[in-house]
C-alpha atoms as a PDB file:
ATOM      1  CA  MET A   1      11.996   4.418  -2.361  1.00  0.00           C
ATOM      2  CA  THR A   2      14.873   4.345   0.112  1.00  0.00           C
ATOM      3  CA  ILE A   3      15.081   6.541   3.206  1.00  0.00           C
ATOM      4  CA  ALA A   4      18.239   8.130   1.806  1.00  0.00           C
ATOM      5  CA  THR A   5      16.446   9.081  -1.410  1.00  0.00           C
ATOM      6  CA  ARG A   6      13.549  10.580   0.502  1.00  0.00           C
ATOM      7  CA  ARG A   7      15.941  12.637   2.630  1.00  0.00           C
ATOM      8  CA  VAL A   8      17.530  14.062  -0.533  1.00  0.00           C
ATOM      9  CA  ASN A   9      14.063  14.957  -1.768  1.00  0.00           C
ATOM     10  CA  TRP A  10      13.279  16.553   1.597  1.00  0.00           C
ATOM     11  CA  VAL A  11      16.237  18.918   1.262  1.00  0.00           C
ATOM     12  CA  LEU A  12      15.123  19.877  -2.245  1.00  0.00           C
ATOM     13  CA  LEU A  13      11.487  20.414  -1.303  1.00  0.00           C
ATOM     14  CA  CYS A  14      12.220  22.444   1.833  1.00  0.00           C
ATOM     15  CA  LEU A  15      13.807  25.098  -0.378  1.00  0.00           C
ATOM     16  CA  CYS A  16      10.266  26.123  -1.218  1.00  0.00           C
ATOM     17  CA  ALA A  17       9.648  27.032   2.409  1.00  0.00           C
ATOM     18  CA  VAL A  18      12.845  29.082   2.603  1.00  0.00           C
ATOM     19  CA  CYS A  19      12.605  30.908  -0.723  1.00  0.00           C
ATOM     20  CA  GLY A  20       8.818  31.031  -1.087  1.00  0.00           C
ATOM     21  CA  CYS A  21       6.802  30.252  -4.183  1.00  0.00           C
ATOM     22  CA  SER A  22       7.233  32.436  -7.215  1.00  0.00           C
ATOM     23  CA  ASP A  23       5.821  32.724 -10.705  1.00  0.00           C
ATOM     24  CA  ARG A  24       9.227  33.664 -12.102  1.00  0.00           C
ATOM     25  CA  GLU A  25      10.586  31.612 -14.948  1.00  0.00           C
ATOM     26  CA  THR A  26      13.553  29.379 -14.105  1.00  0.00           C
ATOM     27  CA  SER A  27      16.327  28.033 -16.267  1.00  0.00           C
ATOM     28  CA  GLN A  28      15.074  24.460 -15.932  1.00  0.00           C
ATOM     29  CA  ASP A  29      13.835  22.978 -19.137  1.00  0.00           C
ATOM     30  CA  ALA A  30      10.859  20.616 -19.394  1.00  0.00           C
ATOM     31  CA  SER A  31      12.957  17.471 -19.068  1.00  0.00           C
ATOM     32  CA  SER A  32      14.584  18.730 -15.879  1.00  0.00           C
ATOM     33  CA  ARG A  33      11.208  19.536 -14.353  1.00  0.00           C
ATOM     34  CA  SER A  34       9.924  16.101 -15.295  1.00  0.00           C
ATOM     35  CA  ALA A  35      12.953  14.433 -13.719  1.00  0.00           C
ATOM     36  CA  ALA A  36      12.487  16.446 -10.513  1.00  0.00           C
ATOM     37  CA  LYS A  37       8.824  15.555 -10.431  1.00  0.00           C
ATOM     38  CA  ALA A  38       9.570  11.842 -10.840  1.00  0.00           C
ATOM     39  CA  THR A  39      11.736  11.846  -7.713  1.00  0.00           C
ATOM     40  CA  ILE A  40       9.402  13.814  -5.420  1.00  0.00           C
ATOM     41  CA  GLY A  41       9.244  12.036  -2.093  1.00  0.00           C
ATOM     42  CA  PHE A  42       5.557  12.636  -1.344  1.00  0.00           C
ATOM     43  CA  ALA A  43       4.240  11.340  -4.701  1.00  0.00           C
ATOM     44  CA  ASN A  44       2.415   8.001  -4.998  1.00  0.00           C
ATOM     45  CA  GLU A  45       2.001   7.649  -1.245  1.00  0.00           C
ATOM     46  CA  VAL A  46      -1.160   7.845   0.844  1.00  0.00           C
ATOM     47  CA  TRP A  47      -1.047  10.715   3.347  1.00  0.00           C
ATOM     48  CA  LYS A  48      -3.480  11.232   6.212  1.00  0.00           C
ATOM     49  CA  VAL A  49      -4.302  14.708   7.544  1.00  0.00           C
ATOM     50  CA  VAL A  50      -3.624  14.905  11.300  1.00  0.00           C
ATOM     51  CA  ASP A  51      -3.576  18.694  11.799  1.00  0.00           C
ATOM     52  CA  SER A  52      -5.926  21.040   9.946  1.00  0.00           C
ATOM     53  CA  PRO A  53      -7.627  24.323  10.934  1.00  0.00           C
ATOM     54  CA  SER A  54     -10.548  23.507   8.633  1.00  0.00           C
ATOM     55  CA  GLY A  55     -11.522  20.268  10.367  1.00  0.00           C
ATOM     56  CA  ALA A  56     -10.169  18.043   7.595  1.00  0.00           C
ATOM     57  CA  THR A  57      -8.465  15.698  10.087  1.00  0.00           C
ATOM     58  CA  GLY A  58      -8.636  12.129   8.817  1.00  0.00           C
ATOM     59  CA  GLU A  59      -8.825  12.989   5.123  1.00  0.00           C
ATOM     60  CA  LEU A  60      -6.537  11.066   2.777  1.00  0.00           C
ATOM     61  CA  PHE A  61      -4.447  12.734   0.052  1.00  0.00           C
ATOM     62  CA  VAL A  62      -2.620  10.972  -2.791  1.00  0.00           C
ATOM     63  CA  PHE A  63      -0.372  12.977  -5.139  1.00  0.00           C
ATOM     64  CA  LEU A  64      -0.102  10.659  -8.150  1.00  0.00           C
ATOM     65  CA  SER A  65       3.033  11.029 -10.242  1.00  0.00           C
ATOM     66  CA  ASP A  66       0.995  11.912 -13.355  1.00  0.00           C
ATOM     67  CA  GLY A  67      -0.141  15.150 -11.699  1.00  0.00           C
ATOM     68  CA  THR A  68      -3.490  13.870 -10.429  1.00  0.00           C
ATOM     69  CA  LEU A  69      -4.520  14.682  -6.857  1.00  0.00           C
ATOM     70  CA  VAL A  70      -6.998  12.344  -5.148  1.00  0.00           C
ATOM     71  CA  LYS A  71      -8.617  13.409  -1.865  1.00  0.00           C
ATOM     72  CA  THR A  72     -11.100  11.333   0.096  1.00  0.00           C
ATOM     73  CA  SER A  73     -12.284  10.250   3.524  1.00  0.00           C
ATOM     74  CA  SER A  74     -14.484   7.555   5.018  1.00  0.00           C
ATOM     75  CA  GLU A  75     -17.437   9.966   4.917  1.00  0.00           C
ATOM     76  CA  SER A  76     -17.055  11.546   1.475  1.00  0.00           C
ATOM     77  CA  ILE A  77     -16.914  10.756  -2.218  1.00  0.00           C
ATOM     78  CA  PRO A  78     -13.352  10.912  -3.621  1.00  0.00           C
ATOM     79  CA  GLU A  79     -12.457  14.262  -5.194  1.00  0.00           C
ATOM     80  CA  VAL A  80      -9.986  14.572  -8.075  1.00  0.00           C
ATOM     81  CA  GLY A  81      -7.772  17.592  -8.635  1.00  0.00           C
ATOM     82  CA  LYS A  82      -4.362  18.487 -10.062  1.00  0.00           C
ATOM     83  CA  TRP A  83      -0.942  19.272  -8.683  1.00  0.00           C
ATOM     84  CA  ASN A  84       2.434  20.299 -10.015  1.00  0.00           C
ATOM     85  CA  PHE A  85       5.862  20.830  -8.492  1.00  0.00           C
ATOM     86  CA  ASP A  86       8.548  22.479 -10.588  1.00  0.00           C
ATOM     87  CA  GLY A  87      11.351  22.152  -8.064  1.00  0.00           C
ATOM     88  CA  ALA A  88      10.540  25.456  -6.361  1.00  0.00           C
ATOM     89  CA  CYS A  89       6.793  25.692  -5.861  1.00  0.00           C
ATOM     90  CA  LEU A  90       3.943  23.269  -5.243  1.00  0.00           C
ATOM     91  CA  LYS A  91       0.784  24.278  -7.121  1.00  0.00           C
ATOM     92  CA  ILE A  92      -2.526  22.575  -6.368  1.00  0.00           C
ATOM     93  CA  ILE A  93      -5.954  22.740  -8.024  1.00  0.00           C
ATOM     94  CA  GLU A  94      -8.963  21.605  -5.962  1.00  0.00           C
ATOM     95  CA  GLY A  95     -12.544  22.095  -7.098  1.00  0.00           C
ATOM     96  CA  GLY A  96     -11.246  24.097 -10.058  1.00  0.00           C
ATOM     97  CA  LEU A  97      -9.558  26.628  -7.751  1.00  0.00           C
ATOM     98  CA  PRO A  98      -5.744  26.885  -7.932  1.00  0.00           C
ATOM     99  CA  TYR A  99      -3.513  27.810  -5.020  1.00  0.00           C
ATOM    100  CA  ASP A 100       0.168  27.637  -4.067  1.00  0.00           C
ATOM    101  CA  ALA A 101       1.660  25.737  -1.152  1.00  0.00           C
ATOM    102  CA  ASP A 102       5.012  25.943   0.635  1.00  0.00           C
ATOM    103  CA  ILE A 103       6.531  22.625   1.696  1.00  0.00           C
ATOM    104  CA  LEU A 104       7.657  23.053   5.291  1.00  0.00           C
ATOM    105  CA  ALA A 105       8.698  19.483   6.119  1.00  0.00           C
ATOM    106  CA  LEU A 106       8.990  16.144   4.343  1.00  0.00           C
ATOM    107  CA  ASN A 107      10.443  13.012   5.930  1.00  0.00           C
ATOM    108  CA  ASP A 108       9.432   9.476   6.797  1.00  0.00           C
ATOM    109  CA  GLU A 109       7.269  10.651   9.708  1.00  0.00           C
ATOM    110  CA  GLU A 110       5.423  13.679   8.334  1.00  0.00           C
ATOM    111  CA  PHE A 111       4.624  15.875   5.338  1.00  0.00           C
ATOM    112  CA  ARG A 112       3.709  19.475   6.224  1.00  0.00           C
ATOM    113  CA  ILE A 113       2.644  22.277   3.882  1.00  0.00           C
ATOM    114  CA  ARG A 114       1.396  25.874   4.141  1.00  0.00           C
ATOM    115  CA  CYS A 115      -1.483  26.546   1.741  1.00  0.00           C
ATOM    116  CA  HIS A 116      -2.073  30.045   0.350  1.00  0.00           C
ATOM    117  CA  HIS A 117      -5.706  30.683  -0.590  1.00  0.00           C
ATOM    118  CA  GLN A 118      -7.332  33.993  -1.418  1.00  0.00           C
ATOM    119  CA  GLN A 119      -9.075  33.851   1.960  1.00  0.00           C
ATOM    120  CA  GLY A 120      -5.780  33.374   3.814  1.00  0.00           C
ATOM    121  CA  SER A 121      -3.012  30.901   4.597  1.00  0.00           C
ATOM    122  CA  TYR A 122      -3.037  27.838   6.810  1.00  0.00           C
ATOM    123  CA  GLU A 123      -0.948  24.730   7.472  1.00  0.00           C
ATOM    124  CA  LEU A 124      -1.745  21.072   6.860  1.00  0.00           C
ATOM    125  CA  ARG A 125       0.226  18.266   8.468  1.00  0.00           C
ATOM    126  CA  PHE A 126       0.134  14.748   7.056  1.00  0.00           C
ATOM    127  CA  VAL A 127       1.505  11.420   8.258  1.00  0.00           C
ATOM    128  CA  PRO A 128       1.797   8.192   6.237  1.00  0.00           C
ATOM    129  CA  ALA A 129      -1.565   6.456   6.279  1.00  0.00           C
ATOM    130  CA  GLU A 130      -1.729   2.957   7.685  1.00  0.00           C
ATOM    131  CA  PRO A 131      -3.052   0.410   5.161  1.00  0.00           C
ATOM    132  CA  ALA A 132      -6.673  -0.386   5.784  1.00  0.00           C
ATOM    133  CA  LEU A 133      -7.193  -4.120   5.550  1.00  0.00           C
ATOM    134  CA  PRO A 134     -10.557  -5.635   4.652  1.00  0.00           C
ATOM    135  CA  VAL A 135     -12.150  -7.057   7.786  1.00  0.00           C
ATOM    136  CA  ARG A 136     -14.560  -9.946   7.634  1.00  0.00           C
ATOM    137  CA  PRO A 137     -17.945  -9.069   9.085  1.00  0.00           C
ATOM    138  CA  VAL A 138     -19.099 -10.931  12.175  1.00  0.00           C
ATOM    139  CA  GLU A 139     -21.562 -12.999  10.106  1.00  0.00           C
ATOM    140  CA  PHE A 140     -18.650 -14.463   8.084  1.00  0.00           C
ATOM    141  CA  ASN A 141     -18.879 -18.248   8.362  1.00  0.00           C
ATOM    142  CA  PRO A 142     -15.614 -20.057   7.520  1.00  0.00           C
ATOM    143  CA  ALA A 143     -17.522 -23.303   7.026  1.00  0.00           C
ATOM    144  CA  GLU A 144     -18.963 -21.766   3.856  1.00  0.00           C
ATOM    145  CA  HIS A 145     -15.529 -20.910   2.410  1.00  0.00           C
ATOM    146  CA  SER A 146     -12.348 -22.715   1.529  1.00  0.00           C
ATOM    147  CA  ILE A 147      -9.627 -21.612   3.945  1.00  0.00           C
ATOM    148  CA  SER A 148      -5.906 -21.592   3.216  1.00  0.00           C
ATOM    149  CA  ALA A 149      -3.610 -21.084   6.211  1.00  0.00           C
ATOM    150  CA  SER A 150       0.182 -21.211   6.302  1.00  0.00           C
ATOM    151  CA  GLY A 151       3.183 -20.288   8.383  1.00  0.00           C
ATOM    152  CA  SER A 152       6.930 -20.625   8.599  1.00  0.00           C
ATOM    153  CA  ASP A 153       9.549 -21.771  11.108  1.00  0.00           C
ATOM    154  CA  PRO A 154       8.729 -24.566  10.502  1.00  0.00           C
ATOM    155  CA  ALA A 155       6.895 -24.224   7.191  1.00  0.00           C
ATOM    156  CA  TRP A 156       3.356 -25.567   7.047  1.00  0.00           C
ATOM    157  CA  LEU A 157       0.281 -25.256   4.847  1.00  0.00           C
ATOM    158  CA  LEU A 158      -3.263 -26.240   5.721  1.00  0.00           C
ATOM    159  CA  LYS A 159      -6.178 -26.096   3.299  1.00  0.00           C
ATOM    160  CA  VAL A 160      -9.661 -26.614   4.698  1.00  0.00           C
ATOM    161  CA  ASP A 161     -12.472 -27.467   2.304  1.00  0.00           C
ATOM    162  CA  GLY A 162     -15.754 -28.320   3.941  1.00  0.00           C
ATOM    163  CA  ASP A 163     -15.111 -30.858   6.694  1.00  0.00           C
ATOM    164  CA  THR A 164     -11.711 -31.927   5.333  1.00  0.00           C
ATOM    165  CA  GLY A 165      -8.293 -30.489   6.098  1.00  0.00           C
ATOM    166  CA  TYR A 166      -5.180 -31.128   3.999  1.00  0.00           C
ATOM    167  CA  LEU A 167      -1.951 -30.472   5.898  1.00  0.00           C
ATOM    168  CA  ARG A 168       1.451 -30.284   4.224  1.00  0.00           C
ATOM    169  CA  SER A 169       4.799 -29.975   5.933  1.00  0.00           C
ATOM    170  CA  ALA A 170       8.402 -30.721   5.013  1.00  0.00           C
ATOM    171  CA  GLU A 171       8.692 -33.206   7.870  1.00  0.00           C
ATOM    172  CA  GLU A 172       5.560 -35.292   7.270  1.00  0.00           C
ATOM    173  CA  GLY A 173       4.526 -34.578   3.690  1.00  0.00           C
ATOM    174  CA  SER A 174       0.766 -34.518   3.024  1.00  0.00           C
ATOM    175  CA  LEU A 175      -1.799 -35.602   5.623  1.00  0.00           C
ATOM    176  CA  LYS A 176      -5.580 -35.718   5.372  1.00  0.00           C
ATOM    177  CA  PHE A 177      -7.863 -34.912   8.307  1.00  0.00           C
ATOM    178  CA  THR A 178     -11.613 -35.572   8.089  1.00  0.00           C
ATOM    179  CA  ASP A 179     -14.866 -35.146  10.034  1.00  0.00           C
ATOM    180  CA  GLY A 180     -13.924 -31.546  10.715  1.00  0.00           C
ATOM    181  CA  VAL A 181     -16.258 -29.004  12.297  1.00  0.00           C
ATOM    182  CA  TRP A 182     -16.129 -25.223  12.737  1.00  0.00           C
ATOM    183  CA  GLU A 183     -17.162 -23.534  15.972  1.00  0.00           C
ATOM    184  CA  GLY A 184     -17.281 -19.849  16.823  1.00  0.00           C
ATOM    185  CA  GLU A 185     -14.731 -18.968  19.505  1.00  0.00           C
ATOM    186  CA  ASP A 186     -16.067 -15.398  19.836  1.00  0.00           C
ATOM    187  CA  ALA A 187     -17.380 -12.660  17.514  1.00  0.00           C
ATOM    188  CA  ALA A 188     -14.127 -12.568  15.519  1.00  0.00           C
ATOM    189  CA  SER A 189     -12.603 -16.049  16.026  1.00  0.00           C
ATOM    190  CA  TRP A 190     -13.352 -19.554  14.764  1.00  0.00           C
ATOM    191  CA  TRP A 191     -11.997 -22.979  15.693  1.00  0.00           C
ATOM    192  CA  PHE A 192     -11.704 -25.894  13.232  1.00  0.00           C
ATOM    193  CA  ILE A 193     -11.128 -29.414  14.629  1.00  0.00           C
ATOM    194  CA  ALA A 194     -10.546 -32.504  12.465  1.00  0.00           C
ATOM    195  CA  LEU A 195      -9.294 -36.053  13.006  1.00  0.00           C
ATOM    196  CA  ARG A 196      -7.006 -38.576  11.372  1.00  0.00           C
ATOM    197  CA  PRO A 197      -6.908 -42.258  12.376  1.00  0.00           C
ATOM    198  CA  ILE A 198      -3.425 -43.473  13.247  1.00  0.00           C
ATOM    199  CA  GLU A 199      -2.114 -46.728  14.624  1.00  0.00           C
ATOM    200  CA  GLY A 200      -3.179 -47.005  18.229  1.00  0.00           C
ATOM    201  CA  GLY A 201      -5.337 -43.870  18.317  1.00  0.00           C
ATOM    202  CA  ILE A 202      -6.466 -40.632  16.760  1.00  0.00           C
ATOM    203  CA  ASP A 203      -4.404 -37.690  15.493  1.00  0.00           C
ATOM    204  CA  THR A 204      -6.218 -34.409  16.194  1.00  0.00           C
ATOM    205  CA  LEU A 205      -5.651 -31.149  14.335  1.00  0.00           C
ATOM    206  CA  SER A 206      -6.985 -27.750  15.345  1.00  0.00           C
ATOM    207  CA  LEU A 207      -6.926 -24.449  13.452  1.00  0.00           C
ATOM    208  CA  ILE A 208      -7.886 -21.111  14.966  1.00  0.00           C
ATOM    209  CA  ILE A 209      -8.458 -18.165  12.650  1.00  0.00           C
ATOM    210  CA  ARG A 210      -9.102 -14.649  13.920  1.00  0.00           C
ATOM    211  CA  THR A 211     -10.050 -11.394  12.235  1.00  0.00           C
ATOM    212  CA  GLU A 212      -6.758  -9.629  12.834  1.00  0.00           C
ATOM    213  CA  ARG A 213      -4.091  -8.001  10.691  1.00  0.00           C
ATOM    214  CA  CYS A 214      -1.422 -10.517   9.691  1.00  0.00           C
ATOM    215  CA  VAL A 215       1.730 -10.247   7.554  1.00  0.00           C
ATOM    216  CA  TYR A 216       3.272 -13.224   5.761  1.00  0.00           C
ATOM    217  CA  ALA A 217       6.915 -13.410   6.870  1.00  0.00           C
ATOM    218  CA  ASP A 218       8.229 -14.651   3.519  1.00  0.00           C
ATOM    219  CA  SER A 219       6.454 -12.220   1.173  1.00  0.00           C
ATOM    220  CA  GLY A 220       5.420  -9.284   3.358  1.00  0.00           C
ATOM    221  CA  VAL A 221       1.845  -9.547   2.041  1.00  0.00           C
ATOM    222  CA  GLU A 222      -0.788  -8.317   4.508  1.00  0.00           C
ATOM    223  CA  VAL A 223      -4.096 -10.124   5.018  1.00  0.00           C
ATOM    224  CA  SER A 224      -6.939  -9.809   7.516  1.00  0.00           C
ATOM    225  CA  LEU A 225      -6.948 -13.282   9.102  1.00  0.00           C
ATOM    226  CA  ARG A 226      -4.412 -14.588  11.623  1.00  0.00           C
ATOM    227  CA  ALA A 227      -4.014 -18.367  11.979  1.00  0.00           C
ATOM    228  CA  THR A 228      -2.841 -20.692  14.753  1.00  0.00           C
ATOM    229  CA  LEU A 229      -2.292 -24.388  14.024  1.00  0.00           C
ATOM    230  CA  ILE A 230      -2.389 -26.691  17.071  1.00  0.00           C
ATOM    231  CA  ARG A 231      -1.109 -30.233  16.758  1.00  0.00           C
ATOM    232  CA  ASN A 232       0.894 -32.581  18.978  1.00  0.00           C
ATOM    233  CA  GLU A 233       0.962 -29.899  21.691  1.00  0.00           C
ATOM    234  CA  ALA A 234       2.715 -27.504  19.290  1.00  0.00           C
ATOM    235  CA  TRP A 235       1.244 -24.068  18.525  1.00  0.00           C
ATOM    236  CA  LEU A 236       2.332 -22.787  15.102  1.00  0.00           C
ATOM    237  CA  GLN A 237       1.570 -19.219  14.027  1.00  0.00           C
ATOM    238  CA  GLY A 238       0.686 -18.024  10.532  1.00  0.00           C
ATOM    239  CA  CYS A 239      -1.841 -16.172   8.362  1.00  0.00           C
ATOM    240  CA  ALA A 240      -4.959 -17.266   6.507  1.00  0.00           C
ATOM    241  CA  ILE A 241      -7.074 -16.238   3.545  1.00  0.00           C
ATOM    242  CA  ALA A 242     -10.647 -17.185   2.714  1.00  0.00           C
ATOM    243  CA  GLY A 243     -11.635 -18.160  -0.795  1.00  0.00           C
ATOM    244  CA  ARG A 244     -14.942 -17.542  -2.479  1.00  0.00           C
ATOM    245  CA  PRO A 245     -18.022 -19.032  -0.834  1.00  0.00           C
ATOM    246  CA  ARG A 246     -18.323 -22.759  -1.498  1.00  0.00           C
ATOM    247  CA  PRO A 247     -21.245 -23.736  -3.743  1.00  0.00           C
ATOM    248  CA  VAL A 248     -24.256 -25.000  -1.852  1.00  0.00           C
ATOM    249  CA  SER A 249     -25.060 -28.577  -2.809  1.00  0.00           C
ATOM    250  CA  LYS A 250     -28.663 -29.154  -3.846  1.00  0.00           C
END
C-alpha cells in the first residue's frame, strides 16, 4: 500500500473522531461497505501498543481484512476477536464483549483510537511493529549446518558444506576451498577459514557470520545472519542463511 493511499484512508477514518460513532443506518449498500473495508489503512498490518492506561504496552494487534482481530504478546496466548468498520464507526469484539472505537489518528507513524467500554473510555496508541527475526541460539554450531552466504557489488555466493567452501563470482567463476574449519569469534559470531592451492602458494578464504539482522539488497528479504567474506585483502558484505542440520555420519 502506498503512502498516498494510506493518507487518503487516514482522512476517511478520522471522520469517525469528528462525527462520533453512531448506530444510525447509512445510505451505503453492502458492496460500498465492503469496498471501504478493503481499503482501510490499518488492516493486515501488525500494530504494537505503545500507550495504554491498562498496562497493555507491548501487545500486538492485527486487524485482518476478513474481520478477524488477533491480539497477542510475548507473555500471552493469542486471542481472537472480531472487528468491523463501516466507513463511520469501528466496532470491536474482544472476549465476546463488543465495544465501539473512535479513530483519532492513522498515518505511517501511528494508529490511535479511543475505546468506549461500559466501564469508561480510554485511548490506545499503536505504532507499526518491527519484524521479529528468528535469532540463532548461542549453542548454534555452523559446522553442523550447510551455510549459504551471498552479497552484491560485486556479486558473490559462497556455500559451505562441512569443511568445503564453494565460491562463485562473475569474475572468477567457481572455486573450491577445502580443509575448512569453524571457530567461535564470540557468543554470536563464527569464523570459517579454508584453503585452495594455487601456483606458487595458497589462496585463503575467510567467512564471518554473525547473529544480526540482515537484508538482501536485491530482494529485500530479511534474515538473521550477517556475512562478511574476506579474500585477497577485500572485505565483502552480505547475508547468510543456515540450512537444516547436516546428517551425522556413522
